[in-house]
Amino acid sequence: MVALESIKQRLVAERQQLMHQLAELGASEDGSLRDDVDFPEGFADAAAATSERTEVLGLVDSLRRSLGEIDVALARIESGVYGTCVKCGKDIGEARLEVRPSSTHCVDCKAAKV
């Protein structure tokens, strides 16, 4: 069986890392950029600044999705349903949880979902 305390510690550490990355990008946990976030003066035109901002927002969105997945996994640990597929109710394989501890679907359901 999966060592829940070890998985929980790993998820908490990953969550802290994601929060740090969001802060480095000048974003809050909800994904909004701080008002003081500015792009370098070296931008030659508005299109370059817009492109940079779009890239940063894309990174922030990706980090927020990962953060949400971790929060769901932590909540599932607390409620005692961690490691069971949300679709079919079967156990999620240990190997899958080791590789991706925030998994909520077994391999079969995830493959069918795609």
N, C-alpha and C. Protein backbone atom coordinates (compact mmCIF):
# COMPACT_ATOMS: atom_id res chain seq x y z
N MET A 1 0.84 -1.20 0.00
CA MET A 1 0.00 0.00 0.00
C MET A 1 0.88 1.25 0.00
N VAL A 2 0.38 2.27 -0.58
CA VAL A 2 1.09 3.53 -0.67
C VAL A 2 1.28 4.13 0.73
N ALA A 3 2.48 4.60 1.02
CA ALA A 3 2.77 5.24 2.30
C ALA A 3 2.18 6.64 2.28
N LEU A 4 1.00 6.80 2.86
CA LEU A 4 0.27 8.06 2.79
C LEU A 4 1.03 9.23 3.37
N GLU A 5 1.71 9.03 4.49
CA GLU A 5 2.43 10.15 5.11
C GLU A 5 3.55 10.63 4.20
N SER A 6 4.23 9.70 3.55
CA SER A 6 5.30 10.05 2.62
C SER A 6 4.74 10.81 1.41
N ILE A 7 3.63 10.33 0.88
CA ILE A 7 2.97 11.00 -0.25
C ILE A 7 2.51 12.39 0.16
N LYS A 8 1.92 12.49 1.34
CA LYS A 8 1.44 13.79 1.83
C LYS A 8 2.59 14.78 1.95
N GLN A 9 3.70 14.35 2.51
CA GLN A 9 4.86 15.22 2.65
C GLN A 9 5.37 15.67 1.27
N ARG A 10 5.38 14.75 0.34
CA ARG A 10 5.81 15.08 -1.03
C ARG A 10 4.88 16.10 -1.67
N LEU A 11 3.57 15.90 -1.49
CA LEU A 11 2.60 16.84 -2.05
C LEU A 11 2.73 18.23 -1.42
N VAL A 12 2.92 18.26 -0.11
CA VAL A 12 3.08 19.56 0.58
C VAL A 12 4.34 20.26 0.08
N ALA A 13 5.42 19.51 -0.11
CA ALA A 13 6.67 20.11 -0.63
C ALA A 13 6.46 20.63 -2.05
N GLU A 14 5.76 19.86 -2.88
CA GLU A 14 5.48 20.30 -4.26
C GLU A 14 4.61 21.56 -4.24
N ARG A 15 3.65 21.60 -3.32
CA ARG A 15 2.77 22.77 -3.21
C ARG A 15 3.58 24.02 -2.84
N GLN A 16 4.49 23.86 -1.90
CA GLN A 16 5.34 24.98 -1.49
C GLN A 16 6.19 25.46 -2.67
N GLN A 17 6.72 24.53 -3.46
CA GLN A 17 7.52 24.89 -4.62
C GLN A 17 6.68 25.66 -5.65
N LEU A 18 5.46 25.20 -5.88
CA LEU A 18 4.57 25.89 -6.82
C LEU A 18 4.24 27.30 -6.33
N MET A 19 4.00 27.43 -5.04
CA MET A 19 3.71 28.76 -4.47
C MET A 19 4.92 29.68 -4.65
N HIS A 20 6.10 29.14 -4.47
CA HIS A 20 7.33 29.91 -4.66
C HIS A 20 7.45 30.36 -6.13
N GLN A 21 7.17 29.46 -7.03
CA GLN A 21 7.25 29.80 -8.46
C GLN A 21 6.23 30.86 -8.83
N LEU A 22 5.02 30.75 -8.29
CA LEU A 22 4.01 31.79 -8.54
C LEU A 22 4.50 33.14 -8.03
N ALA A 23 5.07 33.15 -6.83
CA ALA A 23 5.57 34.40 -6.25
C ALA A 23 6.69 34.98 -7.12
N GLU A 24 7.56 34.13 -7.64
CA GLU A 24 8.64 34.62 -8.50
C GLU A 24 8.10 35.26 -9.77
N LEU A 25 6.97 34.77 -10.25
CA LEU A 25 6.35 35.35 -11.44
C LEU A 25 5.51 36.58 -11.10
N GLY A 26 5.39 36.87 -9.82
CA GLY A 26 4.62 38.03 -9.40
C GLY A 26 3.13 37.75 -9.33
N ALA A 27 2.77 36.48 -9.10
CA ALA A 27 1.36 36.11 -9.06
C ALA A 27 0.97 35.62 -7.68
N SER A 28 -0.30 35.79 -7.38
CA SER A 28 -0.83 35.27 -6.12
C SER A 28 -1.36 33.86 -6.37
N GLU A 29 -1.81 33.21 -5.32
CA GLU A 29 -2.31 31.85 -5.44
C GLU A 29 -3.50 31.75 -6.39
N ASP A 30 -4.30 32.81 -6.48
CA ASP A 30 -5.46 32.79 -7.38
C ASP A 30 -5.08 33.10 -8.84
N GLY A 31 -3.78 33.37 -9.08
CA GLY A 31 -3.30 33.59 -10.43
C GLY A 31 -3.24 35.03 -10.87
N SER A 32 -3.73 35.94 -10.04
CA SER A 32 -3.68 37.34 -10.44
C SER A 32 -2.27 37.89 -10.24
N LEU A 33 -1.85 38.72 -11.18
CA LEU A 33 -0.54 39.34 -11.09
C LEU A 33 -0.60 40.55 -10.18
N ARG A 34 0.44 40.71 -9.40
CA ARG A 34 0.51 41.89 -8.52
C ARG A 34 0.55 43.14 -9.38
N ASP A 35 0.09 44.24 -8.83
CA ASP A 35 0.08 45.52 -9.55
C ASP A 35 1.49 46.02 -9.84
N ASP A 36 2.44 45.62 -8.99
CA ASP A 36 3.80 46.12 -9.16
C ASP A 36 4.63 45.30 -10.16
N VAL A 37 4.01 44.26 -10.76
CA VAL A 37 4.74 43.47 -11.75
C VAL A 37 4.88 44.30 -13.01
N ASP A 38 6.10 44.47 -13.42
CA ASP A 38 6.38 45.28 -14.60
C ASP A 38 7.32 44.48 -15.49
N PHE A 39 7.26 44.75 -16.75
CA PHE A 39 8.14 44.08 -17.69
C PHE A 39 9.29 45.01 -18.02
N PRO A 40 10.46 44.44 -18.29
CA PRO A 40 11.67 45.25 -18.48
C PRO A 40 11.50 46.36 -19.51
N GLU A 41 12.24 47.44 -19.27
CA GLU A 41 12.17 48.59 -20.17
C GLU A 41 12.78 48.29 -21.53
N GLY A 42 13.50 47.21 -21.64
CA GLY A 42 14.16 46.87 -22.88
C GLY A 42 13.22 46.44 -24.00
N PHE A 43 11.94 46.30 -23.68
CA PHE A 43 11.02 45.90 -24.73
C PHE A 43 10.91 47.02 -25.76
N ALA A 44 11.06 46.64 -27.01
CA ALA A 44 11.07 47.62 -28.09
C ALA A 44 9.67 48.14 -28.42
N ASP A 45 8.67 47.31 -28.22
CA ASP A 45 7.33 47.76 -28.56
C ASP A 45 6.27 47.05 -27.72
N ALA A 46 5.07 47.49 -27.88
CA ALA A 46 3.96 46.93 -27.11
C ALA A 46 3.71 45.47 -27.44
N ALA A 47 3.96 45.06 -28.68
CA ALA A 47 3.75 43.67 -29.07
C ALA A 47 4.67 42.74 -28.29
N ALA A 48 5.91 43.14 -28.11
CA ALA A 48 6.85 42.32 -27.34
C ALA A 48 6.42 42.23 -25.88
N ALA A 49 5.97 43.35 -25.32
CA ALA A 49 5.50 43.36 -23.93
C ALA A 49 4.26 42.48 -23.78
N THR A 50 3.37 42.56 -24.74
CA THR A 50 2.16 41.73 -24.71
C THR A 50 2.51 40.26 -24.82
N SER A 51 3.46 39.95 -25.66
CA SER A 51 3.91 38.56 -25.82
C SER A 51 4.50 38.03 -24.52
N GLU A 52 5.33 38.82 -23.87
CA GLU A 52 5.94 38.42 -22.60
C GLU A 52 4.87 38.23 -21.53
N ARG A 53 3.93 39.14 -21.47
CA ARG A 53 2.86 39.04 -20.48
C ARG A 53 2.01 37.79 -20.73
N THR A 54 1.73 37.50 -21.98
CA THR A 54 0.96 36.31 -22.33
C THR A 54 1.70 35.04 -21.91
N GLU A 55 3.00 35.02 -22.10
CA GLU A 55 3.81 33.87 -21.70
C GLU A 55 3.77 33.70 -20.17
N VAL A 56 3.91 34.79 -19.45
CA VAL A 56 3.87 34.74 -17.98
C VAL A 56 2.50 34.25 -17.52
N LEU A 57 1.43 34.75 -18.11
CA LEU A 57 0.09 34.33 -17.73
C LEU A 57 -0.13 32.85 -18.03
N GLY A 58 0.45 32.36 -19.11
CA GLY A 58 0.36 30.93 -19.43
C GLY A 58 1.07 30.08 -18.38
N LEU A 59 2.24 30.53 -17.96
CA LEU A 59 2.97 29.82 -16.90
C LEU A 59 2.19 29.84 -15.60
N VAL A 60 1.63 30.99 -15.26
CA VAL A 60 0.85 31.13 -14.03
C VAL A 60 -0.35 30.17 -14.07
N ASP A 61 -1.03 30.11 -15.21
CA ASP A 61 -2.19 29.23 -15.34
C ASP A 61 -1.79 27.77 -15.16
N SER A 62 -0.68 27.37 -15.73
CA SER A 62 -0.19 26.00 -15.58
C SER A 62 0.15 25.68 -14.12
N LEU A 63 0.81 26.61 -13.45
CA LEU A 63 1.16 26.42 -12.05
C LEU A 63 -0.11 26.33 -11.19
N ARG A 64 -1.10 27.15 -11.49
CA ARG A 64 -2.36 27.13 -10.75
C ARG A 64 -3.09 25.80 -10.92
N ARG A 65 -3.08 25.25 -12.14
CA ARG A 65 -3.72 23.94 -12.36
C ARG A 65 -3.02 22.87 -11.54
N SER A 66 -1.69 22.89 -11.54
CA SER A 66 -0.93 21.92 -10.75
C SER A 66 -1.23 22.08 -9.26
N LEU A 67 -1.31 23.31 -8.83
CA LEU A 67 -1.62 23.59 -7.43
C LEU A 67 -3.00 23.04 -7.07
N GLY A 68 -3.96 23.23 -7.94
CA GLY A 68 -5.31 22.70 -7.72
C GLY A 68 -5.32 21.18 -7.62
N GLU A 69 -4.56 20.52 -8.48
CA GLU A 69 -4.47 19.06 -8.44
C GLU A 69 -3.88 18.59 -7.12
N ILE A 70 -2.87 19.28 -6.65
CA ILE A 70 -2.25 18.92 -5.37
C ILE A 70 -3.24 19.14 -4.23
N ASP A 71 -3.96 20.25 -4.26
CA ASP A 71 -4.94 20.52 -3.21
C ASP A 71 -6.02 19.44 -3.18
N VAL A 72 -6.46 18.97 -4.35
CA VAL A 72 -7.45 17.90 -4.41
C VAL A 72 -6.86 16.62 -3.81
N ALA A 73 -5.62 16.30 -4.15
CA ALA A 73 -4.98 15.09 -3.62
C ALA A 73 -4.86 15.17 -2.10
N LEU A 74 -4.46 16.31 -1.59
CA LEU A 74 -4.34 16.48 -0.13
C LEU A 74 -5.71 16.34 0.54
N ALA A 75 -6.75 16.88 -0.07
CA ALA A 75 -8.10 16.76 0.49
C ALA A 75 -8.56 15.30 0.46
N ARG A 76 -8.19 14.58 -0.60
CA ARG A 76 -8.56 13.16 -0.70
C ARG A 76 -7.83 12.34 0.36
N ILE A 77 -6.60 12.70 0.68
CA ILE A 77 -5.88 12.02 1.75
C ILE A 77 -6.62 12.23 3.07
N GLU A 78 -6.98 13.49 3.34
CA GLU A 78 -7.66 13.83 4.59
C GLU A 78 -9.02 13.13 4.71
N SER A 79 -9.71 12.98 3.59
CA SER A 79 -11.05 12.36 3.64
C SER A 79 -11.01 10.84 3.56
N GLY A 80 -9.81 10.28 3.35
CA GLY A 80 -9.66 8.83 3.33
C GLY A 80 -9.97 8.16 2.01
N VAL A 81 -10.07 8.92 0.94
CA VAL A 81 -10.38 8.31 -0.36
C VAL A 81 -9.20 8.39 -1.34
N TYR A 82 -8.05 8.84 -0.85
CA TYR A 82 -6.88 8.93 -1.72
C TYR A 82 -6.52 7.54 -2.24
N GLY A 83 -6.18 7.49 -3.51
CA GLY A 83 -5.75 6.24 -4.12
C GLY A 83 -6.87 5.46 -4.78
N THR A 84 -8.09 6.02 -4.75
CA THR A 84 -9.19 5.38 -5.47
C THR A 84 -9.59 6.27 -6.64
N CYS A 85 -9.93 5.66 -7.73
CA CYS A 85 -10.31 6.38 -8.95
C CYS A 85 -11.64 7.08 -8.74
N VAL A 86 -11.70 8.36 -9.11
CA VAL A 86 -12.94 9.12 -8.95
C VAL A 86 -14.01 8.69 -9.94
N LYS A 87 -13.63 7.99 -11.00
CA LYS A 87 -14.60 7.57 -12.01
C LYS A 87 -15.15 6.18 -11.73
N CYS A 88 -14.25 5.20 -11.54
CA CYS A 88 -14.72 3.82 -11.40
C CYS A 88 -14.65 3.28 -9.98
N GLY A 89 -13.93 3.98 -9.09
CA GLY A 89 -13.84 3.55 -7.70
C GLY A 89 -12.79 2.49 -7.41
N LYS A 90 -12.10 2.04 -8.45
CA LYS A 90 -11.05 1.04 -8.25
C LYS A 90 -9.79 1.72 -7.71
N ASP A 91 -8.90 0.90 -7.15
CA ASP A 91 -7.63 1.44 -6.67
C ASP A 91 -6.79 1.95 -7.83
N ILE A 92 -6.14 3.07 -7.59
CA ILE A 92 -5.16 3.60 -8.54
C ILE A 92 -3.85 2.89 -8.22
N GLY A 93 -3.18 2.37 -9.21
CA GLY A 93 -1.96 1.61 -8.99
C GLY A 93 -0.88 2.39 -8.25
N GLU A 94 -0.15 1.66 -7.40
CA GLU A 94 0.93 2.30 -6.63
C GLU A 94 1.96 2.96 -7.53
N ALA A 95 2.30 2.30 -8.64
CA ALA A 95 3.30 2.86 -9.55
C ALA A 95 2.83 4.20 -10.09
N ARG A 96 1.55 4.30 -10.43
CA ARG A 96 1.00 5.57 -10.95
C ARG A 96 1.06 6.65 -9.88
N LEU A 97 0.71 6.30 -8.65
CA LEU A 97 0.73 7.28 -7.57
C LEU A 97 2.16 7.70 -7.21
N GLU A 98 3.10 6.81 -7.38
CA GLU A 98 4.50 7.17 -7.14
C GLU A 98 4.98 8.19 -8.16
N VAL A 99 4.60 7.97 -9.42
CA VAL A 99 5.02 8.87 -10.50
C VAL A 99 4.24 10.17 -10.45
N ARG A 100 2.95 10.08 -10.20
CA ARG A 100 2.07 11.25 -10.20
C ARG A 100 1.13 11.18 -9.00
N PRO A 101 1.62 11.63 -7.85
CA PRO A 101 0.83 11.49 -6.62
C PRO A 101 -0.48 12.26 -6.60
N SER A 102 -0.67 13.17 -7.52
CA SER A 102 -1.94 13.92 -7.56
C SER A 102 -2.98 13.25 -8.46
N SER A 103 -2.69 12.04 -8.92
CA SER A 103 -3.63 11.32 -9.80
C SER A 103 -4.96 11.07 -9.12
N THR A 104 -6.03 11.27 -9.86
CA THR A 104 -7.37 10.99 -9.34
C THR A 104 -8.06 9.90 -10.16
N HIS A 105 -7.42 9.48 -11.25
CA HIS A 105 -7.98 8.44 -12.12
C HIS A 105 -7.01 7.28 -12.24
N CYS A 106 -7.55 6.06 -12.33
CA CYS A 106 -6.71 4.91 -12.62
C CYS A 106 -6.25 5.01 -14.08
N VAL A 107 -5.31 4.19 -14.46
CA VAL A 107 -4.75 4.24 -15.81
C VAL A 107 -5.83 4.01 -16.85
N ASP A 108 -6.71 3.03 -16.62
CA ASP A 108 -7.75 2.71 -17.60
C ASP A 108 -8.71 3.88 -17.82
N CYS A 109 -9.16 4.50 -16.72
CA CYS A 109 -10.09 5.62 -16.85
C CYS A 109 -9.41 6.84 -17.45
N LYS A 110 -8.16 7.07 -17.12
CA LYS A 110 -7.44 8.19 -17.69
C LYS A 110 -7.26 7.99 -19.18
N ALA A 111 -6.95 6.76 -19.59
CA ALA A 111 -6.78 6.46 -21.02
C ALA A 111 -8.10 6.65 -21.77
N ALA A 112 -9.19 6.26 -21.16
CA ALA A 112 -10.51 6.40 -21.80
C ALA A 112 -10.94 7.85 -21.87
N LYS A 113 -10.47 8.66 -20.93
CA LYS A 113 -10.82 10.09 -20.86
C LYS A 113 -10.18 10.89 -21.98
N VAL A 114 -9.04 10.45 -22.45
CA VAL A 114 -8.29 11.19 -23.47
C VAL A 114 -8.87 11.05 -24.80
